[in-house]
């Protein structure tokens, strides 16, 4: 079989040896492995953030990609290690809710606990399951059909609460759920939630209930220093400042309320 690609998503950063150790384990098992990085800059222990990033990239990778997600504040505890097979990919990581976002959109999945230690690096460190369990299993799975031998099936995994935008009487209410490295604030309001087209004269966007935000089609037409809204490449409403950080300039943070209302004034 052709080697399945492996995608890495962690909160390890790139200063230390952790990412290199994971890649080394994979390549020892499968020297022909194709490994690519989603990011290693998830804020430490922020499972919700990792879940959002995973969902953002999930449908843009090759079929049968193996996602190794190591944002694991419960490492060494009784939390379970899992491998999930979807119609398009494999997901490997801790059972801490990090796969909630992706699985909420999947109709057919098979989930297994990872208990078969024949695929582990020995001895298994109680603080580095990312290397000794998740990376090792991914290495084997990238070149062999071992999924059914990883461990018993499991019917239910731990879930995290997804912050979902909601329809209200005359629009949509959502909130900031992620801030990228540019300081752009990404909300959970999707373009397909609109019941009217995003016409500037009919769509009122507010931040924290009182700050009016103008809609722009792309960055280049915004005025310098202006806080504006646009629909990003994943079709989520995003707040940004041209050539600056919306997070810093306007003190935006995850959880801030963002509302869309139809009509000129409300």
Protein backbone atom coordinates (compact mmCIF):
# COMPACT_ATOMS: atom_id res chain seq x y z
CA UNK A 1 0.00 0.00 0.00
CA UNK A 2 1.05 3.59 -0.56
CA UNK A 3 2.17 5.39 2.58
CA UNK A 4 -0.63 7.36 4.21
CA UNK A 5 0.34 10.98 4.93
CA UNK A 6 0.60 12.06 8.56
CA UNK A 7 -0.48 15.51 9.78
CA UNK A 8 0.74 16.81 13.15
CA UNK A 9 -1.15 19.24 15.40
CA UNK A 10 0.31 19.98 18.83
CA UNK A 11 0.89 22.63 21.49
CA UNK A 12 4.62 21.80 21.72
CA UNK A 13 5.98 24.86 19.95
CA UNK A 14 9.23 24.54 18.01
CA UNK A 15 11.80 25.58 20.63
CA UNK A 16 12.21 22.16 22.20
CA UNK A 17 12.89 18.62 21.00
CA UNK A 18 9.33 17.32 21.25
CA UNK A 19 8.25 17.70 17.62
CA UNK A 20 11.54 16.29 16.38
CA UNK A 21 11.13 13.25 18.64
CA UNK A 22 7.66 12.57 17.26
CA UNK A 23 8.85 12.79 13.67
CA UNK A 24 11.86 10.63 14.45
CA UNK A 25 9.68 7.85 15.87
CA UNK A 26 7.43 7.91 12.81
CA UNK A 27 10.39 7.75 10.41
CA UNK A 28 12.04 4.88 12.31
CA UNK A 29 8.88 2.85 11.78
CA UNK A 30 8.21 4.03 8.22
CA UNK A 31 11.22 5.68 6.54
CA UNK A 32 8.98 6.58 3.59
CA UNK A 33 6.44 8.44 5.70
CA UNK A 34 5.14 11.75 4.42
CA UNK A 35 4.76 14.08 7.41
CA UNK A 36 3.38 17.61 7.39
CA UNK A 37 2.73 20.11 10.16
CA UNK A 38 -0.63 21.77 10.73
CA UNK A 39 0.75 23.83 13.61
CA UNK A 40 2.64 23.34 16.84
CA UNK A 41 1.60 26.72 18.20
CA UNK A 42 -1.72 25.86 19.84
CA UNK A 43 -1.81 27.69 23.16
CA UNK A 44 -0.68 25.22 25.84
CA UNK A 45 -3.45 22.86 27.02
CA UNK A 46 -6.14 24.67 24.97
CA UNK A 47 -8.19 21.71 23.71
CA UNK A 48 -10.97 23.93 22.30
CA UNK A 49 -8.47 25.85 20.21
CA UNK A 50 -6.95 22.64 18.85
CA UNK A 51 -10.41 21.33 17.98
CA UNK A 52 -11.17 24.52 16.03
CA UNK A 53 -7.88 24.37 14.09
CA UNK A 54 -8.33 20.68 13.30
CA UNK A 55 -11.80 21.31 11.93
CA UNK A 56 -10.51 24.22 9.84
CA UNK A 57 -7.94 22.10 8.01
CA UNK A 58 -9.67 18.70 8.04
CA UNK A 59 -11.29 18.76 4.60
CA UNK A 60 -8.28 20.17 2.76
CA UNK A 61 -5.91 17.22 3.15
CA UNK A 62 -5.41 14.06 1.06
CA UNK A 63 -7.75 11.14 1.59
CA UNK A 64 -6.68 8.75 4.38
CA UNK A 65 -4.48 11.34 6.05
CA UNK A 66 -3.61 10.34 9.61
CA UNK A 67 -4.08 13.28 12.00
CA UNK A 68 -1.96 13.05 15.14
CA UNK A 69 -3.32 15.57 17.64
CA UNK A 70 -1.31 16.07 20.82
CA UNK A 71 -2.87 18.74 23.00
CA UNK A 72 -3.04 16.56 26.05
CA UNK A 73 -3.26 18.17 29.50
CA UNK A 74 -4.41 14.82 30.89
CA UNK A 75 -1.35 12.85 29.78
CA UNK A 76 -0.42 10.15 32.30
CA UNK A 77 -3.90 10.04 33.82
CA UNK A 78 -6.69 7.57 33.14
CA UNK A 79 -7.79 9.40 30.01
CA UNK A 80 -7.91 7.02 27.05
CA UNK A 81 -5.93 7.00 23.82
CA UNK A 82 -8.09 6.64 20.72
CA UNK A 83 -7.94 6.11 16.99
CA UNK A 84 -10.92 7.06 14.85
CA UNK A 85 -11.55 6.05 11.26
CA UNK A 86 -13.79 8.36 9.26
CA UNK A 87 -14.75 8.17 5.60
CA UNK A 88 -11.77 10.34 4.68
CA UNK A 89 -9.15 10.15 7.43
CA UNK A 90 -7.79 8.67 10.63
CA UNK A 91 -7.64 10.63 13.89
CA UNK A 92 -5.19 9.68 16.65
CA UNK A 93 -4.94 11.37 20.02
CA UNK A 94 -6.28 11.62 23.57
CA UNK A 95 -9.94 11.16 24.43
CA UNK A 96 -10.34 14.69 25.76
CA UNK A 97 -12.84 16.18 23.34
CA UNK A 98 -10.34 17.44 20.78
CA UNK A 99 -12.15 15.57 17.99
CA UNK A 100 -15.62 16.93 18.85
CA UNK A 101 -15.71 19.55 16.09
CA UNK A 102 -14.71 17.16 13.29
CA UNK A 103 -16.94 14.31 14.45
CA UNK A 104 -19.98 16.58 14.69
CA UNK A 105 -19.91 16.70 10.87
CA UNK A 106 -19.18 13.02 10.26
CA UNK A 107 -21.93 10.46 9.74
CA UNK A 108 -19.95 7.24 9.54
CA UNK A 109 -17.08 6.60 11.93
CA UNK A 110 -15.45 3.68 13.68
CA UNK A 111 -13.72 4.42 16.97
CA UNK A 112 -11.22 2.22 18.80
CA UNK A 113 -9.24 2.50 21.99
CA UNK A 114 -5.49 2.21 21.53
CA UNK A 115 -4.53 -0.57 23.92
CA UNK A 116 -2.32 -2.92 21.91
CA UNK A 117 1.14 -2.09 23.18
CA UNK A 118 2.91 -4.03 20.43
CA UNK A 119 2.71 -0.76 18.47
CA UNK A 120 4.15 1.43 21.26
CA UNK A 121 7.67 2.68 21.88
CA UNK A 122 8.94 1.00 25.07
CA UNK A 123 9.18 1.99 27.81
CA UNK A 124 6.18 4.30 27.55
CA UNK A 125 6.77 7.63 29.25
CA UNK A 126 3.93 8.83 31.47
CA UNK A 127 4.53 12.38 30.21
CA UNK A 128 5.07 11.83 26.47
CA UNK A 129 2.33 9.67 24.99
CA UNK A 130 2.60 11.86 21.89
CA UNK A 131 5.90 10.19 21.11
CA UNK A 132 5.54 6.71 22.58
CA UNK A 133 1.91 5.95 21.67
CA UNK A 134 0.35 8.41 19.21
CA UNK A 135 3.36 8.90 16.90
CA UNK A 136 4.30 5.22 17.04
CA UNK A 137 0.78 4.08 16.15
CA UNK A 138 0.65 6.64 13.34
CA UNK A 139 3.93 5.33 11.94
CA UNK A 140 2.60 1.77 11.82
CA UNK A 141 -0.79 2.84 10.46
CA UNK A 142 0.87 4.87 7.70
CA UNK A 143 2.25 1.74 6.07
CA UNK A 144 0.09 -1.12 7.37
CA UNK A 145 -3.62 -1.84 7.90
CA UNK A 146 -3.51 -2.20 11.67
CA UNK A 147 -6.60 -0.23 12.63
CA UNK A 148 -8.71 -3.20 13.74
CA UNK A 149 -5.89 -4.58 15.88
CA UNK A 150 -5.29 -1.37 17.86
CA UNK A 151 -7.84 -2.20 20.53
CA UNK A 152 -11.55 -2.66 21.22
CA UNK A 153 -14.27 -0.58 19.64
CA UNK A 154 -15.69 2.26 21.68
CA UNK A 155 -19.14 3.74 21.13
CA UNK A 156 -18.72 7.15 22.74
CA UNK A 157 -15.93 9.62 23.27
CA UNK A 158 -15.61 12.60 25.55
CA UNK A 159 -17.13 15.78 24.11
CA UNK A 160 -16.34 19.44 24.62
CA UNK A 161 -18.97 22.14 24.49
CA UNK A 162 -18.97 23.67 21.02
CA UNK A 163 -19.62 27.39 20.98
CA UNK A 164 -22.24 27.67 18.26
CA UNK A 165 -23.71 30.80 16.74
CA UNK A 166 -27.50 31.02 17.02
CA UNK A 167 -30.25 32.62 15.00
CA UNK A 168 -32.19 35.36 16.74
CA UNK A 169 -35.21 37.43 15.77
CA UNK A 170 -33.51 39.65 13.23
CA UNK A 171 -30.07 38.18 12.69
CA UNK A 172 -27.39 35.94 14.14
CA UNK A 173 -25.57 36.05 17.48
CA UNK A 174 -22.14 34.51 17.85
CA UNK A 175 -18.79 35.10 19.47
CA UNK A 176 -15.07 35.18 18.86
CA UNK A 177 -13.72 31.63 19.08
CA UNK A 178 -10.15 31.96 17.81
CA UNK A 179 -7.50 34.62 17.28
CA UNK A 180 -4.81 33.93 14.69
CA UNK A 181 -1.17 35.09 14.71
CA UNK A 182 -2.09 38.26 12.82
CA UNK A 183 -4.49 39.27 15.58
CA UNK A 184 -7.54 38.59 13.41
CA UNK A 185 -10.55 37.51 15.48
CA UNK A 186 -12.45 34.59 13.96
CA UNK A 187 -16.05 34.06 15.00
CA UNK A 188 -18.33 31.03 14.91
CA UNK A 189 -20.75 32.76 12.51
CA UNK A 190 -20.77 31.02 9.15
CA UNK A 191 -21.74 32.65 5.87
CA UNK A 192 -24.40 29.99 5.23
CA UNK A 193 -26.22 31.07 8.40
CA UNK A 194 -27.32 34.30 6.74
CA UNK A 195 -30.89 34.41 5.55
CA UNK A 196 -30.12 37.52 3.50
CA UNK A 197 -27.07 38.21 1.39
CA UNK A 198 -24.24 40.16 3.04
CA UNK A 199 -25.20 43.49 1.54
CA UNK A 200 -23.50 46.29 3.42
CA UNK A 201 -26.60 48.48 3.43
CA UNK A 202 -28.65 45.69 5.00
CA UNK A 203 -26.23 44.01 7.38
CA UNK A 204 -25.25 45.58 10.70
CA UNK A 205 -22.32 43.99 12.54
CA UNK A 206 -21.56 44.84 16.15
CA UNK A 207 -18.85 43.81 18.58
CA UNK A 208 -19.66 43.58 22.30
CA UNK A 209 -23.17 44.97 21.58
CA UNK A 210 -22.04 48.54 21.00
CA UNK A 211 -19.14 48.78 18.54
CA UNK A 212 -20.24 49.02 14.91
CA UNK A 213 -18.07 47.07 12.47
CA UNK A 214 -18.17 47.70 8.72
CA UNK A 215 -18.11 44.82 6.27
CA UNK A 216 -15.40 44.70 3.59
CA UNK A 217 -14.95 42.14 0.81
CA UNK A 218 -11.18 41.80 1.38
CA UNK A 219 -8.27 43.39 3.25
CA UNK A 220 -7.06 45.69 0.49
CA UNK A 221 -10.17 47.91 0.43
CA UNK A 222 -10.25 48.55 4.18
CA UNK A 223 -9.03 51.84 5.58
CA UNK A 224 -5.81 51.81 7.57
CA UNK A 225 -6.54 51.33 11.28
CA UNK A 226 -10.19 50.47 10.67
CA UNK A 227 -11.78 47.48 12.41
CA UNK A 228 -13.74 45.68 9.71
CA UNK A 229 -15.42 42.33 9.09
CA UNK A 230 -15.01 39.94 6.18
CA UNK A 231 -15.84 36.33 5.36
CA UNK A 232 -12.61 34.35 5.57
CA UNK A 233 -11.42 31.42 3.46
CA UNK A 234 -13.37 28.96 5.62
CA UNK A 235 -16.51 31.11 5.35
CA UNK A 236 -16.49 32.30 8.96
CA UNK A 237 -16.99 35.94 9.87
CA UNK A 238 -13.65 37.45 10.85
CA UNK A 239 -12.79 40.79 12.44
CA UNK A 240 -9.54 42.39 11.31
CA UNK A 241 -7.54 45.60 11.08
CA UNK A 242 -5.60 46.38 7.92
CA UNK A 243 -1.86 46.08 8.61
CA UNK A 244 -2.45 45.76 12.36
CA UNK A 245 -3.76 43.44 15.07
CA UNK A 246 -7.49 43.64 15.83
CA UNK A 247 -6.81 41.76 19.06
CA UNK A 248 -4.36 44.34 20.35
CA UNK A 249 -5.80 47.52 18.87
CA UNK A 250 -9.38 46.87 20.01
CA UNK A 251 -8.69 44.54 22.99
CA UNK A 252 -10.65 41.70 21.40
CA UNK A 253 -10.58 38.35 23.15
CA UNK A 254 -12.06 34.88 22.76
CA UNK A 255 -15.65 34.92 23.98
CA UNK A 256 -16.46 38.49 22.86
CA UNK A 257 -20.02 38.81 21.56
CA UNK A 258 -20.54 39.50 17.84
CA UNK A 259 -23.99 40.13 16.38
CA UNK A 260 -25.32 40.45 12.85
CA UNK A 261 -28.62 42.23 12.31
CA UNK A 262 -30.53 42.74 9.09
CA UNK A 263 -31.61 46.24 8.20
CA UNK A 264 -30.06 49.68 8.41
CA UNK A 265 -30.49 50.45 12.10
CA UNK A 266 -31.48 48.39 15.14
